[in-house]
Amino acid sequence: MKELNLGLRFLLELALLFALGYWGFQAQPPAIGWILGLGAPLTAAVIWGIWIAPKSQRRLADPLRQFVEIALFAAAVLALIAAQQVTAAVILFALVTLNQVLLLVWDQRAH
C-alpha cells in the first residue's frame, strides 16, 4: 500500500505540471498562452527539481519543503479553477490531500 502512495505522489507531480500547462495554454492572446503554457510547468519543474526532489543537493528541510510542495499543488488547483475545470480541481485537491496525509502517517516524507 505504501508503494501505491509513492506512485500516486509521482502521478500527482505530473498532474501538477499538466494543470499549469493547461491553464497557460488557455490564456489569450495565443502568444501569451504559449509563453504561460510552457513557462508555468517549466517553472514548477525547476522549483521542484531544486528544492523538493529527493536527490537534490539543495533540498529544503521540512516543514519548509512541505510548504513549497503544497504551494505548488495549490497553484495547480487554482490554475484548474481559473481554466474552468472545477471538477478536475476538486479531484486534484482531494488526491493531494490524501497523499500528503498518508506521506505523514507512513513517514514517507523523505521520498
Protein backbone atom coordinates (compact mmCIF):
# COMPACT_ATOMS: atom_id res chain seq x y z
CA MET A 1 0.00 0.00 0.00
CA LYS A 2 2.85 2.37 0.80
CA GLU A 3 4.33 1.85 -2.66
CA LEU A 4 0.99 2.83 -4.18
CA ASN A 5 1.09 6.08 -2.24
CA LEU A 6 4.53 6.87 -3.65
CA GLY A 7 3.21 6.03 -7.11
CA LEU A 8 0.27 8.36 -6.52
CA ARG A 9 2.70 11.09 -5.50
CA PHE A 10 4.53 10.74 -8.82
CA LEU A 11 1.25 10.88 -10.77
CA LEU A 12 0.22 13.97 -8.81
CA GLU A 13 3.50 15.63 -9.71
CA LEU A 14 2.73 15.00 -13.38
CA ALA A 15 -0.82 16.28 -12.88
CA LEU A 16 0.59 19.46 -11.34
CA LEU A 17 2.64 20.12 -14.48
CA PHE A 18 -0.29 19.26 -16.75
CA ALA A 19 -2.66 21.56 -14.84
CA LEU A 20 -0.29 24.50 -15.06
CA GLY A 21 0.28 23.88 -18.75
CA TYR A 22 -3.43 23.52 -19.46
CA TRP A 23 -4.14 26.80 -17.68
CA GLY A 24 -1.36 28.57 -19.52
CA PHE A 25 -2.46 27.45 -22.97
CA GLN A 26 -5.96 28.81 -22.26
CA ALA A 27 -4.61 32.36 -21.95
CA GLN A 28 -5.30 34.95 -24.62
CA PRO A 29 -3.82 36.14 -26.91
CA PRO A 30 -2.32 32.88 -28.18
CA ALA A 31 1.26 34.17 -27.90
CA ILE A 32 0.75 34.70 -24.17
CA GLY A 33 -0.88 31.27 -23.99
CA TRP A 34 2.22 29.65 -25.45
CA ILE A 35 4.50 31.50 -23.03
CA LEU A 36 2.38 30.59 -20.00
CA GLY A 37 1.61 27.09 -21.26
CA LEU A 38 5.27 26.24 -21.49
CA GLY A 39 6.64 28.58 -18.84
CA ALA A 40 4.37 27.74 -15.90
CA PRO A 41 5.07 23.98 -15.85
CA LEU A 42 8.74 24.58 -16.59
CA THR A 43 9.00 26.97 -13.64
CA ALA A 44 7.25 24.47 -11.36
CA ALA A 45 9.54 21.66 -12.56
CA VAL A 46 12.64 23.75 -11.86
CA ILE A 47 11.39 24.66 -8.38
CA TRP A 48 10.58 21.01 -7.70
CA GLY A 49 13.93 19.83 -9.01
CA ILE A 50 15.95 22.30 -6.97
CA TRP A 51 14.15 22.33 -3.63
CA ILE A 52 11.89 19.26 -3.40
CA ALA A 53 13.40 16.39 -5.40
CA PRO A 54 14.85 13.65 -3.18
CA LYS A 55 18.28 13.69 -4.85
CA SER A 56 18.64 17.47 -4.97
CA GLN A 57 21.72 18.89 -3.28
CA ARG A 58 19.68 21.97 -2.29
CA ARG A 59 16.66 20.07 -1.00
CA LEU A 60 14.79 22.02 1.63
CA ALA A 61 14.16 20.54 5.05
CA ASP A 62 10.64 20.00 6.31
CA PRO A 63 8.45 21.89 7.09
CA LEU A 64 9.67 24.43 4.50
CA ARG A 65 9.87 21.78 1.78
CA GLN A 66 6.33 20.68 2.52
CA PHE A 67 5.16 24.30 2.37
CA VAL A 68 6.72 24.78 -1.09
CA GLU A 69 5.22 21.48 -2.25
CA ILE A 70 1.75 22.44 -1.05
CA ALA A 71 2.10 25.90 -2.62
CA LEU A 72 2.87 24.31 -5.99
CA PHE A 73 -0.10 21.95 -5.71
CA ALA A 74 -2.31 24.87 -4.63
CA ALA A 75 -1.18 26.78 -7.71
CA ALA A 76 -2.18 23.81 -9.85
CA VAL A 77 -5.61 23.59 -8.22
CA LEU A 78 -6.15 27.33 -8.66
CA ALA A 79 -4.97 27.10 -12.26
CA LEU A 80 -7.59 24.44 -12.99
CA ILE A 81 -10.27 26.60 -11.37
CA ALA A 82 -9.14 29.59 -13.45
CA ALA A 83 -9.34 27.39 -16.56
CA GLN A 84 -12.92 26.49 -15.56
CA GLN A 85 -12.05 22.88 -14.76
CA VAL A 86 -13.56 22.87 -11.29
CA THR A 87 -14.25 19.13 -11.14
CA ALA A 88 -10.64 18.37 -12.03
CA ALA A 89 -9.51 20.91 -9.42
CA VAL A 90 -11.60 19.25 -6.70
CA ILE A 91 -10.28 15.80 -7.64
CA LEU A 92 -6.69 17.05 -7.65
CA PHE A 93 -7.20 18.76 -4.28
CA ALA A 94 -8.69 15.61 -2.74
CA LEU A 95 -5.94 13.34 -4.06
CA VAL A 96 -3.16 15.70 -2.98
CA THR A 97 -4.70 15.97 0.49
CA LEU A 98 -5.00 12.19 0.80
CA ASN A 99 -1.45 11.71 -0.46
CA GLN A 100 0.03 14.32 1.91
CA VAL A 101 -1.76 12.79 4.92
CA LEU A 102 -0.54 9.30 4.03
CA LEU A 103 3.01 10.57 3.44
CA LEU A 104 2.98 11.89 7.00
CA VAL A 105 1.25 8.89 8.60
CA TRP A 106 3.53 6.39 6.87
CA ASP A 107 6.66 8.53 7.37
CA GLN A 108 7.30 8.79 3.63
CA ARG A 109 8.26 12.48 3.56
CA ALA A 110 11.90 11.56 2.88
CA HIS A 111 10.94 10.36 -0.63
